Amino acid sequence: MLRPLVTGTAACLLLALTACTAPAAPSSGELSLSGTDKSASTTSAVLPAAADAPTRGAKITGIKTTNATSGQITVTGTVTPAPAQGTRIRLHQWIPTTKKWQEIGYGLSSGTAVTIKVTQPGSVRDYRLNVYAQAPYPAATSKPITFQHFVWRGLFKRGVLASGGKANPQFTVIPPNEGPRRSEADLLADKGGFVWGEVDSTGCRAFKSWLGNLTDGTARLSIHNGPRAKAIASVRQLQETEGNLAAKIDGVTRLRLQATDIKSGYGPYISVDSYLLCTN
């Protein structure tokens, strides 16, 4: 028996009829929902929300003068999250003249903690901590803190405003080449006399002095609030002896140092090594 042959034309016709009756596949991005409009079934791809960028914080937890003679300041702080061990944390100081922050020292982190020690002259300045960017964290800066830094300086660092007294007074400050600390002076007068000198003590809170009585009798060393007669503090020193005088001087802007004869053969003669605790 011979099978009927399907010609090429018939095959093409058969394929065409099959294509016409096959259902159309939905296009990508479309869902075929019965009873709904086609346009309502189309949706857009939604990207997941971006994660928040990591942040780092820095904070000064303490600042104090730890050596008022050398001018050492110790600053403690924290950096969170903890940076890599030994990360350099910078201490900035605001410089009013340039209106800029300036790095004056640094410390190395240990966990979240850092301690920084620097030496500075007396001042009232703003301070802050700074840590550079460290992946994945950006740079961080602490809130500024204003700090009064009191340091001992020579009584005569700013010179003598005025001097005087009675009975041939002589108030002689030792020159810088012999006394670079600007703290030493000799106070002399004739028998029964006194001698004084005044300095600017603005921004200072305390006074201290070593003294040596080189006269042949008793003399008194005293400090005063300007020309006022009553002494803030005083000490009587016997012939050829040494002593000390110290006092708080908050609010005193013109400090007078005075040597007075109590009983001697030729008058008071006192050598001093004197200092003020100041922010300037």
Protein backbone atom coordinates (compact mmCIF):
# COMPACT_ATOMS: atom_id res chain seq x y z
CA MET A 1 0.00 0.00 0.00
CA LEU A 2 1.26 3.42 -0.87
CA ARG A 3 1.05 6.27 1.77
CA PRO A 4 -0.21 9.63 0.50
CA LEU A 5 2.58 12.18 0.24
CA VAL A 6 2.24 15.63 1.85
CA THR A 7 3.48 18.22 -0.50
CA GLY A 8 5.57 21.21 0.65
CA THR A 9 2.67 23.54 -0.05
CA ALA A 10 0.33 21.55 2.14
CA ALA A 11 2.88 21.43 4.97
CA CYS A 12 3.24 25.17 4.92
CA LEU A 13 -0.54 25.59 5.01
CA LEU A 14 -0.76 23.25 8.00
CA LEU A 15 1.86 25.19 9.93
CA ALA A 16 0.14 28.49 9.19
CA LEU A 17 -3.20 27.19 10.49
CA THR A 18 -1.51 25.90 13.67
CA ALA A 19 0.13 29.27 14.34
CA CYS A 20 -3.16 31.10 14.01
CA THR A 21 -4.87 28.92 16.57
CA ALA A 22 -2.02 28.93 19.22
CA PRO A 23 -2.56 31.35 22.17
CA ALA A 24 -0.20 34.33 22.38
CA ALA A 25 2.36 34.13 25.24
CA PRO A 26 2.25 37.03 27.63
CA SER A 27 5.08 39.55 27.13
CA SER A 28 7.68 39.91 29.85
CA GLY A 29 6.53 42.16 32.67
CA GLU A 30 2.86 41.36 32.06
CA LEU A 31 0.56 39.07 33.99
CA SER A 32 -2.72 37.76 32.47
CA LEU A 33 -5.36 38.16 35.20
CA SER A 34 -8.98 37.31 34.46
CA GLY A 35 -11.41 40.11 35.12
CA THR A 36 -8.73 42.84 35.30
CA ASP A 37 -7.50 45.43 32.92
CA LYS A 38 -4.23 44.53 31.23
CA SER A 39 -2.62 47.80 32.10
CA ALA A 40 -3.29 47.20 35.82
CA SER A 41 -1.47 43.88 35.68
CA THR A 42 1.85 45.42 34.54
CA THR A 43 4.40 45.86 37.36
CA SER A 44 7.86 47.51 37.62
CA ALA A 45 10.90 45.96 39.31
CA VAL A 46 11.54 47.45 42.83
CA LEU A 47 15.17 47.67 44.04
CA PRO A 48 15.90 46.86 47.70
CA ALA A 49 16.49 49.92 49.99
CA ALA A 50 20.15 50.90 50.25
CA ALA A 51 21.73 50.17 53.60
CA ASP A 52 22.65 53.22 55.74
CA ALA A 53 26.27 54.31 55.31
CA PRO A 54 28.43 53.45 58.35
CA THR A 55 29.21 56.35 60.69
CA ARG A 56 31.94 57.03 63.24
CA GLY A 57 31.85 59.25 66.31
CA ALA A 58 34.61 61.06 68.24
CA LYS A 59 34.31 62.69 71.66
CA ILE A 60 36.58 64.46 74.17
CA THR A 61 35.90 62.88 77.57
CA GLY A 62 38.42 64.87 79.63
CA ILE A 63 40.91 67.73 79.35
CA LYS A 64 43.12 69.16 82.09
CA THR A 65 46.45 70.80 82.84
CA THR A 66 48.62 68.03 84.28
CA ASN A 67 51.81 70.06 84.74
CA ALA A 68 51.41 73.80 85.27
CA THR A 69 55.18 74.34 85.28
CA SER A 70 55.93 72.75 81.89
CA GLY A 71 52.48 73.55 80.46
CA GLN A 72 51.45 69.96 79.80
CA ILE A 73 47.81 69.31 78.80
CA THR A 74 46.33 65.79 78.91
CA VAL A 75 43.28 65.05 76.74
CA THR A 76 41.29 61.81 76.86
CA GLY A 77 38.69 60.79 74.30
CA THR A 78 36.80 58.02 72.57
CA VAL A 79 36.32 56.98 68.94
CA THR A 80 33.42 54.64 68.15
CA PRO A 81 33.29 52.11 66.64
CA ALA A 82 36.86 51.28 67.67
CA PRO A 83 39.35 52.01 64.90
CA ALA A 84 42.29 49.75 64.11
CA GLN A 85 44.67 49.45 67.07
CA GLY A 86 47.23 52.28 67.03
CA THR A 87 45.24 54.57 64.74
CA ARG A 88 46.53 58.16 64.89
CA ILE A 89 43.96 60.44 66.56
CA ARG A 90 44.74 64.13 66.14
CA LEU A 91 44.23 66.97 68.63
CA HIS A 92 43.28 70.27 67.00
CA GLN A 93 43.41 73.75 68.53
CA TRP A 94 41.51 76.76 67.13
CA ILE A 95 43.91 79.60 66.33
CA PRO A 96 42.02 82.94 66.52
CA THR A 97 44.63 84.90 64.55
CA THR A 98 44.42 82.63 61.49
CA LYS A 99 40.83 81.50 62.10
CA LYS A 100 41.85 77.92 61.40
CA TRP A 101 42.14 74.61 63.24
CA GLN A 102 45.74 73.51 63.77
CA GLU A 103 47.03 70.10 64.78
CA ILE A 104 49.10 70.42 67.98
CA GLY A 105 49.56 66.76 68.87
CA TYR A 106 48.23 63.23 68.50
CA GLY A 107 47.70 59.95 70.32
CA LEU A 108 47.37 56.31 69.23
CA SER A 109 44.06 54.56 69.77
CA SER A 110 43.67 51.59 72.12
CA GLY A 111 40.25 50.05 71.55
CA THR A 112 37.84 52.97 71.58
CA ALA A 113 40.07 55.08 73.90
CA VAL A 114 42.84 57.57 73.20
CA THR A 115 45.06 59.76 75.41
CA ILE A 116 46.97 62.75 74.05
CA LYS A 117 49.60 64.80 75.90
CA VAL A 118 50.89 68.12 74.56
CA THR A 119 52.83 71.08 75.97
CA GLN A 120 51.36 74.54 75.42
CA PRO A 121 51.74 78.05 76.89
CA GLY A 122 48.89 79.42 78.98
CA SER A 123 45.78 80.07 76.92
CA VAL A 124 41.99 79.95 76.59
CA ARG A 125 41.33 77.96 73.40
CA ASP A 126 38.92 75.54 71.72
CA TYR A 127 40.04 71.93 71.23
CA ARG A 128 38.69 68.98 69.22
CA LEU A 129 39.64 65.43 68.20
CA ASN A 130 39.89 64.29 64.60
CA VAL A 131 40.31 60.88 62.97
CA TYR A 132 40.84 60.47 59.24
CA ALA A 133 38.65 58.27 57.04
CA GLN A 134 39.23 54.55 57.58
CA ALA A 135 37.24 52.15 55.41
CA PRO A 136 34.35 51.65 55.71
CA TYR A 137 34.06 54.72 57.96
CA PRO A 138 34.35 58.38 56.95
CA ALA A 139 36.44 60.93 58.85
CA ALA A 140 35.08 62.03 62.24
CA THR A 141 35.53 65.16 64.35
CA SER A 142 34.47 65.72 67.96
CA LYS A 143 32.45 68.63 69.29
CA PRO A 144 34.83 71.48 70.28
CA ILE A 145 35.52 72.12 73.97
CA THR A 146 36.76 75.44 75.40
CA PHE A 147 39.53 75.01 77.98
CA GLN A 148 41.39 77.46 80.24
CA HIS A 149 45.02 76.36 80.43
CA PHE A 150 46.84 77.93 83.42
CA VAL A 151 50.65 77.83 83.36
CA TRP A 152 53.26 79.35 85.67
CA ARG A 153 55.25 82.17 84.03
CA GLY A 154 57.80 84.66 85.26
CA LEU A 155 56.30 87.63 87.12
CA PHE A 156 58.13 90.07 84.84
CA LYS A 157 57.49 88.34 81.51
CA ARG A 158 55.37 91.30 80.41
CA GLY A 159 57.62 93.87 81.98
CA VAL A 160 57.02 96.30 84.85
CA LEU A 161 54.16 98.79 84.50
CA ALA A 162 55.46 101.19 87.16
CA SER A 163 57.75 101.29 90.19
CA GLY A 164 58.38 103.59 93.13
CA GLY A 165 58.67 103.84 96.90
CA LYS A 166 60.41 105.90 99.55
CA ALA A 167 64.01 106.54 100.56
CA ASN A 168 65.96 105.87 97.37
CA PRO A 169 63.83 102.91 96.07
CA GLN A 170 65.41 100.61 93.49
CA PHE A 171 63.34 97.94 91.73
CA THR A 172 65.72 96.07 89.40
CA VAL A 173 64.57 93.17 87.19
CA ILE A 174 67.40 90.79 86.23
CA PRO A 175 68.00 91.11 82.44
CA PRO A 176 66.97 88.25 80.09
CA ASN A 177 70.54 87.07 79.42
CA GLU A 178 70.97 86.41 83.16
CA GLY A 179 67.38 85.49 84.03
CA PRO A 180 65.62 84.08 80.92
CA ARG A 181 62.54 83.04 82.94
CA ARG A 182 61.86 86.76 83.63
CA SER A 183 61.13 85.96 87.27
CA GLU A 184 64.05 87.44 89.20
CA ALA A 185 64.47 90.92 90.68
CA ASP A 186 66.23 92.83 93.47
CA LEU A 187 64.24 95.25 95.69
CA LEU A 188 66.25 97.87 97.64
CA ALA A 189 65.66 101.06 99.64
CA ASP A 190 67.40 103.07 102.35
CA LYS A 191 66.78 102.63 106.06
CA GLY A 192 63.13 103.19 106.98
CA GLY A 193 62.06 103.09 103.33
CA PHE A 194 60.16 100.78 100.99
CA VAL A 195 60.16 99.91 97.28
CA TRP A 196 57.47 98.51 94.95
CA GLY A 197 56.85 97.48 91.36
CA GLU A 198 53.59 96.71 89.54
CA VAL A 199 52.87 94.16 86.81
CA ASP A 200 49.87 93.26 84.64
CA SER A 201 48.21 90.20 86.22
CA THR A 202 45.15 90.01 83.95
CA GLY A 203 44.18 86.38 83.32
CA CYS A 204 46.13 85.14 86.36
CA ARG A 205 44.82 83.32 89.42
CA ALA A 206 47.81 82.71 91.72
CA PHE A 207 51.16 84.14 92.79
CA LYS A 208 54.19 82.42 94.31
CA SER A 209 57.69 83.60 95.14
CA TRP A 210 60.92 82.51 96.71
CA LEU A 211 62.69 85.35 98.53
CA GLY A 212 66.01 85.95 100.20
CA ASN A 213 66.55 88.77 102.73
CA LEU A 214 70.05 90.16 102.19
CA THR A 215 69.71 93.09 104.59
CA ASP A 216 71.11 93.43 108.15
CA GLY A 217 67.69 93.30 109.76
CA THR A 218 64.04 92.33 109.30
CA ALA A 219 62.13 93.22 106.12
CA ARG A 220 58.64 92.44 104.85
CA LEU A 221 57.69 91.28 101.37
CA SER A 222 54.03 91.78 100.39
CA ILE A 223 51.71 91.78 97.39
CA HIS A 224 48.85 94.25 96.87
CA ASN A 225 45.89 94.81 94.56
CA GLY A 226 47.40 97.78 92.77
CA PRO A 227 48.13 100.81 94.99
CA ARG A 228 45.72 99.73 97.73
CA ALA A 229 47.34 99.87 101.15
CA LYS A 230 46.07 96.54 102.51
CA ALA A 231 48.23 93.58 101.53
CA ILE A 232 46.74 90.48 99.93
CA ALA A 233 49.52 88.46 101.54
CA SER A 234 52.85 89.21 103.25
CA VAL A 235 55.77 87.59 105.06
CA ARG A 236 58.33 88.98 107.51
CA GLN A 237 61.83 87.73 106.74
CA LEU A 238 64.69 87.82 109.23
CA GLN A 239 68.22 88.88 108.39
CA GLU A 240 69.96 86.68 105.82
CA THR A 241 67.21 84.05 105.63
CA GLU A 242 65.11 82.59 102.84
CA GLY A 243 61.35 82.14 102.62
CA ASN A 244 58.29 81.76 100.41
CA LEU A 245 55.16 83.80 99.73
CA ALA A 246 52.08 82.53 97.89
CA ALA A 247 48.48 83.67 97.44
CA LYS A 248 45.42 83.46 95.20
CA ILE A 249 44.92 86.61 93.14
CA ASP A 250 41.65 86.00 91.25
CA GLY A 251 40.33 89.29 89.86
CA VAL A 252 43.57 91.24 90.45
CA THR A 253 44.65 92.89 87.20
CA ARG A 254 47.49 95.06 88.53
CA LEU A 255 49.66 93.28 91.08
CA ARG A 256 52.07 95.25 93.28
CA LEU A 257 55.14 93.57 94.81
CA GLN A 258 56.60 95.55 97.72
CA ALA A 259 59.54 95.28 100.12
CA THR A 260 59.39 97.32 103.32
CA ASP A 261 62.00 97.96 106.03
CA ILE A 262 60.94 96.73 109.49
CA LYS A 263 64.19 97.13 111.42
CA SER A 264 67.62 97.32 109.85
CA GLY A 265 70.86 99.26 109.77
CA TYR A 266 70.83 100.25 106.10
CA GLY A 267 67.37 99.40 104.71
CA PRO A 268 65.54 96.56 102.96
CA TYR A 269 67.30 94.41 100.36
CA ILE A 270 65.29 91.43 99.10
CA SER A 271 65.97 89.21 96.09
CA VAL A 272 62.95 87.39 94.61
CA ASP A 273 62.18 84.59 92.14
CA SER A 274 58.45 85.17 91.48
CA TYR A 275 55.76 83.57 89.25
CA LEU A 276 52.14 84.03 88.19
CA LEU A 277 49.73 81.22 87.22
CA CYS A 278 48.10 82.57 84.06
CA THR A 279 46.28 81.79 80.82
CA ASN A 280 48.53 84.20 78.94
